[in-house]
Amino acid sequence: MDCKELVDRLKSPTWQDIEDPDSSLLTDAATAITDLLARAEEAEAANSQLDGTVTTLMESNKKLADALREAEKERDEARQDCAIAERNHMIEVERREAAETRCKRLEEARENANEACAKWEGMYHMAEQERDTYKAALQNWHEEG
């Protein structure tokens, strides 16, 4: 029987509901009350279980939030490390380029120095030949004179 119908029958019982020993009104009411108590106990147990689940979820959520904060901190530190490494790399690239430029300049200076040495050696040999020529001419002049 529907609980609302039972409540209505209990509010306005008929003569038969009260006087007839075979009437099921009180038995139906007792059964309904027992069923309602059982449902209330089940609901309370389910509520307790949900409370435990909510508590567990809140704890898990807190752990996840802590892990997220830690991961974000590690990410930010990694980004800083990456930026520092990038800066250091750029400094090393600039140093390497400067060293390569110095090497090119030194190579050019060495080539210019080698050319100058070759030129001076040629001039030195010409001066030696000229000296030898003047020496021979002077010696001939002394011998003739």
C-alpha atoms as a PDB file:
ATOM      1  CA  MET A   1       0.000   0.000   0.000  1.00  0.00           C
ATOM      2  CA  ASP A   2       1.125   3.529  -0.714  1.00  0.00           C
ATOM      3  CA  CYS A   3       2.323   5.429   2.365  1.00  0.00           C
ATOM      4  CA  LYS A   4       0.165   8.458   1.543  1.00  0.00           C
ATOM      5  CA  GLU A   5      -2.960   6.291   1.363  1.00  0.00           C
ATOM      6  CA  LEU A   6      -2.017   4.659   4.648  1.00  0.00           C
ATOM      7  CA  VAL A   7      -1.541   8.067   6.312  1.00  0.00           C
ATOM      8  CA  ASP A   8      -4.924   9.203   4.961  1.00  0.00           C
ATOM      9  CA  ARG A   9      -6.578   6.011   6.319  1.00  0.00           C
ATOM     10  CA  LEU A  10      -4.923   6.550   9.704  1.00  0.00           C
ATOM     11  CA  LYS A  11      -6.126  10.170   9.832  1.00  0.00           C
ATOM     12  CA  SER A  12      -9.696   9.221   8.989  1.00  0.00           C
ATOM     13  CA  PRO A  13     -10.222   5.549   9.870  1.00  0.00           C
ATOM     14  CA  THR A  14     -13.497   3.885   9.005  1.00  0.00           C
ATOM     15  CA  TRP A  15     -15.598   1.929  11.519  1.00  0.00           C
ATOM     16  CA  GLN A  16     -14.340  -1.288   9.936  1.00  0.00           C
ATOM     17  CA  ASP A  17     -10.658  -0.176  10.334  1.00  0.00           C
ATOM     18  CA  ILE A  18     -11.200   0.308  14.067  1.00  0.00           C
ATOM     19  CA  GLU A  19     -13.684  -2.417  15.062  1.00  0.00           C
ATOM     20  CA  ASP A  20     -12.938  -5.284  12.657  1.00  0.00           C
ATOM     21  CA  PRO A  21     -10.358  -7.670  14.129  1.00  0.00           C
ATOM     22  CA  ASP A  22      -9.396  -8.748  10.606  1.00  0.00           C
ATOM     23  CA  SER A  23      -8.624  -5.147   9.630  1.00  0.00           C
ATOM     24  CA  SER A  24      -5.054  -4.712   8.371  1.00  0.00           C
ATOM     25  CA  LEU A  25      -4.754  -0.972   9.050  1.00  0.00           C
ATOM     26  CA  LEU A  26      -2.523  -1.247  12.141  1.00  0.00           C
ATOM     27  CA  THR A  27      -0.495  -4.085  10.661  1.00  0.00           C
ATOM     28  CA  ASP A  28      -0.019  -2.089   7.456  1.00  0.00           C
ATOM     29  CA  ALA A  29       0.987   0.971   9.513  1.00  0.00           C
ATOM     30  CA  ALA A  30       3.464  -1.056  11.584  1.00  0.00           C
ATOM     31  CA  THR A  31       4.930  -2.615   8.397  1.00  0.00           C
ATOM     32  CA  ALA A  32       5.212   0.812   6.766  1.00  0.00           C
ATOM     33  CA  ILE A  33       6.915   2.258   9.855  1.00  0.00           C
ATOM     34  CA  THR A  34       9.318  -0.700   9.958  1.00  0.00           C
ATOM     35  CA  ASP A  35      10.068  -0.273   6.249  1.00  0.00           C
ATOM     36  CA  LEU A  36      10.610   3.465   6.724  1.00  0.00           C
ATOM     37  CA  LEU A  37      12.981   2.841   9.651  1.00  0.00           C
ATOM     38  CA  ALA A  38      14.915   0.305   7.581  1.00  0.00           C
ATOM     39  CA  ARG A  39      15.129   2.791   4.708  1.00  0.00           C
ATOM     40  CA  ALA A  40      16.265   5.508   7.115  1.00  0.00           C
ATOM     41  CA  GLU A  41      19.008   3.227   8.449  1.00  0.00           C
ATOM     42  CA  GLU A  42      20.079   2.385   4.889  1.00  0.00           C
ATOM     43  CA  ALA A  43      20.068   6.069   3.967  1.00  0.00           C
ATOM     44  CA  GLU A  44      22.112   6.896   7.067  1.00  0.00           C
ATOM     45  CA  ALA A  45      24.601   4.134   6.240  1.00  0.00           C
ATOM     46  CA  ALA A  46      24.793   5.414   2.644  1.00  0.00           C
ATOM     47  CA  ASN A  47      25.217   8.945   3.961  1.00  0.00           C
ATOM     48  CA  SER A  48      28.055   7.814   6.253  1.00  0.00           C
ATOM     49  CA  GLN A  49      29.669   6.031   3.321  1.00  0.00           C
ATOM     50  CA  LEU A  50      29.280   9.189   1.214  1.00  0.00           C
ATOM     51  CA  ASP A  51      30.776  11.246   4.029  1.00  0.00           C
ATOM     52  CA  GLY A  52      33.775   8.903   4.024  1.00  0.00           C
ATOM     53  CA  THR A  53      33.987   9.114   0.248  1.00  0.00           C
ATOM     54  CA  VAL A  54      33.773  12.915   0.363  1.00  0.00           C
ATOM     55  CA  THR A  55      36.504  13.000   3.022  1.00  0.00           C
ATOM     56  CA  THR A  56      38.676  10.690   0.926  1.00  0.00           C
ATOM     57  CA  LEU A  57      38.053  12.802  -2.179  1.00  0.00           C
ATOM     58  CA  MET A  58      38.890  15.993  -0.286  1.00  0.00           C
ATOM     59  CA  GLU A  59      42.132  14.432   0.966  1.00  0.00           C
ATOM     60  CA  SER A  60      42.949  13.248  -2.550  1.00  0.00           C
ATOM     61  CA  ASN A  61      42.109  16.690  -3.903  1.00  0.00           C
ATOM     62  CA  LYS A  62      44.440  18.308  -1.363  1.00  0.00           C
ATOM     63  CA  LYS A  63      47.240  15.895  -2.292  1.00  0.00           C
ATOM     64  CA  LEU A  64      46.661  16.598  -5.983  1.00  0.00           C
ATOM     65  CA  ALA A  65      46.658  20.360  -5.346  1.00  0.00           C
ATOM     66  CA  ASP A  66      49.941  20.010  -3.403  1.00  0.00           C
ATOM     67  CA  ALA A  67      51.414  17.897  -6.213  1.00  0.00           C
ATOM     68  CA  LEU A  68      50.244  20.473  -8.758  1.00  0.00           C
ATOM     69  CA  ARG A  69      51.868  23.316  -6.812  1.00  0.00           C
ATOM     70  CA  GLU A  70      55.092  21.298  -6.575  1.00  0.00           C
ATOM     71  CA  ALA A  71      54.985  20.499 -10.301  1.00  0.00           C
ATOM     72  CA  GLU A  72      54.384  24.171 -11.129  1.00  0.00           C
ATOM     73  CA  LYS A  73      57.316  25.141  -8.898  1.00  0.00           C
ATOM     74  CA  GLU A  74      59.551  22.573 -10.621  1.00  0.00           C
ATOM     75  CA  ARG A  75      58.312  23.806 -14.028  1.00  0.00           C
ATOM     76  CA  ASP A  76      59.150  27.410 -13.097  1.00  0.00           C
ATOM     77  CA  GLU A  77      62.596  26.371 -11.856  1.00  0.00           C
ATOM     78  CA  ALA A  78      63.172  24.407 -15.057  1.00  0.00           C
ATOM     79  CA  ARG A  79      62.140  27.453 -17.105  1.00  0.00           C
ATOM     80  CA  GLN A  80      64.607  29.594 -15.152  1.00  0.00           C
ATOM     81  CA  ASP A  81      67.337  26.990 -15.666  1.00  0.00           C
ATOM     82  CA  CYS A  82      66.479  26.890 -19.352  1.00  0.00           C
ATOM     83  CA  ALA A  83      66.676  30.676 -19.608  1.00  0.00           C
ATOM     84  CA  ILE A  84      70.059  30.666 -17.858  1.00  0.00           C
ATOM     85  CA  ALA A  85      71.310  27.883 -20.117  1.00  0.00           C
ATOM     86  CA  GLU A  86      70.073  29.804 -23.167  1.00  0.00           C
ATOM     87  CA  ARG A  87      71.855  32.947 -21.991  1.00  0.00           C
ATOM     88  CA  ASN A  88      75.051  30.979 -21.326  1.00  0.00           C
ATOM     89  CA  HIS A  89      74.771  29.358 -24.747  1.00  0.00           C
ATOM     90  CA  MET A  90      74.413  32.765 -26.403  1.00  0.00           C
ATOM     91  CA  ILE A  91      77.451  34.040 -24.492  1.00  0.00           C
ATOM     92  CA  GLU A  92      79.447  31.006 -25.645  1.00  0.00           C
ATOM     93  CA  VAL A  93      78.282  31.538 -29.245  1.00  0.00           C
ATOM     94  CA  GLU A  94      79.375  35.187 -29.050  1.00  0.00           C
ATOM     95  CA  ARG A  95      82.733  34.166 -27.560  1.00  0.00           C
ATOM     96  CA  ARG A  96      83.244  31.555 -30.263  1.00  0.00           C
ATOM     97  CA  GLU A  97      82.365  34.056 -32.989  1.00  0.00           C
ATOM     98  CA  ALA A  98      84.755  36.616 -31.446  1.00  0.00           C
ATOM     99  CA  ALA A  99      87.501  33.968 -31.276  1.00  0.00           C
ATOM    100  CA  GLU A 100      86.865  33.017 -34.914  1.00  0.00           C
ATOM    101  CA  THR A 101      87.079  36.687 -35.888  1.00  0.00           C
ATOM    102  CA  ARG A 102      90.356  37.059 -33.973  1.00  0.00           C
ATOM    103  CA  CYS A 103      91.678  33.919 -35.662  1.00  0.00           C
ATOM    104  CA  LYS A 104      90.781  35.313 -39.097  1.00  0.00           C
ATOM    105  CA  ARG A 105      92.479  38.614 -38.281  1.00  0.00           C
ATOM    106  CA  LEU A 106      95.561  36.794 -36.988  1.00  0.00           C
ATOM    107  CA  GLU A 107      95.612  34.608 -40.110  1.00  0.00           C
ATOM    108  CA  GLU A 108      95.405  37.713 -42.306  1.00  0.00           C
ATOM    109  CA  ALA A 109      98.167  39.373 -40.243  1.00  0.00           C
ATOM    110  CA  ARG A 110     100.311  36.234 -40.570  1.00  0.00           C
ATOM    111  CA  GLU A 111      99.751  36.164 -44.326  1.00  0.00           C
ATOM    112  CA  ASN A 112     100.620  39.883 -44.552  1.00  0.00           C
ATOM    113  CA  ALA A 113     103.690  39.276 -42.396  1.00  0.00           C
ATOM    114  CA  ASN A 114     104.744  36.350 -44.633  1.00  0.00           C
ATOM    115  CA  GLU A 115     104.281  38.528 -47.720  1.00  0.00           C
ATOM    116  CA  ALA A 116     106.274  41.320 -46.071  1.00  0.00           C
ATOM    117  CA  CYS A 117     108.995  38.848 -45.072  1.00  0.00           C
ATOM    118  CA  ALA A 118     109.169  37.515 -48.614  1.00  0.00           C
ATOM    119  CA  LYS A 119     109.344  41.091 -49.943  1.00  0.00           C
ATOM    120  CA  TRP A 120     112.044  42.067 -47.432  1.00  0.00           C
ATOM    121  CA  GLU A 121     113.983  38.872 -48.179  1.00  0.00           C
ATOM    122  CA  GLY A 122     113.888  39.736 -51.868  1.00  0.00           C
ATOM    123  CA  MET A 123     115.025  43.275 -51.110  1.00  0.00           C
ATOM    124  CA  TYR A 124     117.717  41.915 -48.777  1.00  0.00           C
ATOM    125  CA  HIS A 125     119.039  39.622 -51.537  1.00  0.00           C
ATOM    126  CA  MET A 126     119.005  42.535 -53.989  1.00  0.00           C
ATOM    127  CA  ALA A 127     120.873  44.672 -51.428  1.00  0.00           C
ATOM    128  CA  GLU A 128     123.425  41.870 -50.935  1.00  0.00           C
ATOM    129  CA  GLN A 129     123.916  41.603 -54.692  1.00  0.00           C
ATOM    130  CA  GLU A 130     124.274  45.383 -54.958  1.00  0.00           C
ATOM    131  CA  ARG A 131     126.770  45.368 -52.078  1.00  0.00           C
ATOM    132  CA  ASP A 132     128.735  42.587 -53.704  1.00  0.00           C
ATOM    133  CA  THR A 133     128.717  44.526 -56.977  1.00  0.00           C
ATOM    134  CA  TYR A 134     129.968  47.704 -55.239  1.00  0.00           C
ATOM    135  CA  LYS A 135     132.523  45.691 -53.290  1.00  0.00           C
ATOM    136  CA  ALA A 136     133.832  44.102 -56.465  1.00  0.00           C
ATOM    137  CA  ALA A 137     133.908  47.478 -58.220  1.00  0.00           C
ATOM    138  CA  LEU A 138     135.747  49.057 -55.283  1.00  0.00           C
ATOM    139  CA  GLN A 139     138.235  46.219 -55.207  1.00  0.00           C
ATOM    140  CA  ASN A 140     138.835  46.551 -58.950  1.00  0.00           C
ATOM    141  CA  TRP A 141     139.302  50.261 -58.575  1.00  0.00           C
ATOM    142  CA  HIS A 142     141.925  49.722 -55.804  1.00  0.00           C
ATOM    143  CA  GLU A 143     143.721  47.149 -57.897  1.00  0.00           C
ATOM    144  CA  GLU A 144     143.793  49.448 -60.923  1.00  0.00           C
ATOM    145  CA  GLY A 145     144.836  52.457 -59.090  1.00  0.00           C
END
